Amino acid sequence: MKKRGYTVEVPDRPGCITEGETVEEALEMAEDAIEGFIEVLKKDGDPIPRLSKLEAIVRKKSKSNGNPIFTTVKVAA
């Protein structure tokens, strides 16, 4: 039997991909992945990439088969 679930790709964070069995779980995992991604950048002294504008994300969405979902994460200074 094929397992179903949700995959989250964070376009502003290259390689930041995660998944969950439900939308809610996938979003929680994405928030954790984004926070971890940023922590590694900061630890390594790398700059944190700027976020894309909403219009750019919507344009990219029209070329894919996914739906954009937005979330927030807390980032320590």
Protein backbone atom coordinates (compact mmCIF):
# COMPACT_ATOMS: atom_id res chain seq x y z
CA MET A 1 0.00 0.00 0.00
CA LYS A 2 1.33 3.43 -0.96
CA LYS A 3 1.88 5.74 2.00
CA ARG A 4 0.28 9.15 1.66
CA GLY A 5 1.47 12.36 3.18
CA TYR A 6 2.57 15.90 2.47
CA THR A 7 5.95 17.17 1.35
CA VAL A 8 7.07 20.72 2.07
CA GLU A 9 9.77 22.43 0.05
CA VAL A 10 10.96 25.83 1.24
CA PRO A 11 11.91 27.75 -1.91
CA ASP A 12 13.85 30.43 -0.04
CA ARG A 13 15.95 27.84 1.76
CA PRO A 14 17.67 25.61 -0.85
CA GLY A 15 17.61 21.95 0.15
CA CYS A 16 15.15 22.60 2.97
CA ILE A 17 12.58 19.86 2.36
CA THR A 18 10.52 17.90 4.85
CA GLU A 19 7.29 15.95 5.10
CA GLY A 20 4.49 14.87 7.40
CA GLU A 21 1.52 12.54 7.39
CA THR A 22 -0.91 15.48 7.77
CA VAL A 23 -0.78 19.10 6.61
CA GLU A 24 -0.40 20.22 10.22
CA GLU A 25 2.48 17.81 10.86
CA ALA A 26 4.16 18.81 7.59
CA LEU A 27 3.97 22.49 8.59
CA GLU A 28 5.40 21.77 12.05
CA MET A 29 8.24 19.84 10.45
CA ALA A 30 8.82 22.71 7.99
CA GLU A 31 9.04 25.22 10.82
CA ASP A 32 11.61 23.02 12.58
CA ALA A 33 13.55 22.56 9.32
CA ILE A 34 13.63 26.31 8.64
CA GLU A 35 14.77 27.07 12.18
CA GLY A 36 17.51 24.43 11.92
CA PHE A 37 18.57 25.71 8.50
CA ILE A 38 18.96 29.24 9.84
CA GLU A 39 20.79 28.05 12.97
CA VAL A 40 23.37 26.27 10.80
CA LEU A 41 23.86 29.35 8.62
CA LYS A 42 24.39 31.51 11.70
CA LYS A 43 26.75 28.98 13.28
CA ASP A 44 28.82 28.83 10.10
CA GLY A 45 28.84 32.62 9.80
CA ASP A 46 26.95 32.52 6.50
CA PRO A 47 24.43 35.20 5.57
CA ILE A 48 20.74 34.38 5.86
CA PRO A 49 19.17 34.65 2.38
CA ARG A 50 16.49 37.27 1.93
CA LEU A 51 12.91 36.09 1.58
CA SER A 52 11.20 36.12 -1.80
CA LYS A 53 8.38 38.51 -2.44
CA LEU A 54 4.89 37.02 -2.41
CA GLU A 55 4.48 37.72 -6.14
CA ALA A 56 7.55 35.62 -6.97
CA ILE A 57 6.28 32.70 -4.91
CA VAL A 58 2.87 32.83 -6.58
CA ARG A 59 4.53 32.91 -10.03
CA LYS A 60 6.64 29.87 -9.15
CA LYS A 61 3.53 28.08 -7.85
CA SER A 62 1.78 28.45 -11.20
CA LYS A 63 4.60 26.39 -12.75
CA SER A 64 4.39 23.57 -10.18
CA ASN A 65 1.76 21.15 -8.98
CA GLY A 66 1.83 22.29 -5.35
CA ASN A 67 0.01 24.91 -3.35
CA PRO A 68 1.84 27.59 -1.37
CA ILE A 69 1.16 27.63 2.36
CA PHE A 70 2.72 30.32 4.49
CA THR A 71 3.96 30.02 8.04
CA THR A 72 6.11 31.98 10.45
CA VAL A 73 9.12 30.94 12.47
CA LYS A 74 10.88 32.59 15.37
CA VAL A 75 14.53 33.33 14.79
CA ALA A 76 16.79 34.33 17.63
CA ALA A 77 19.00 37.34 16.90
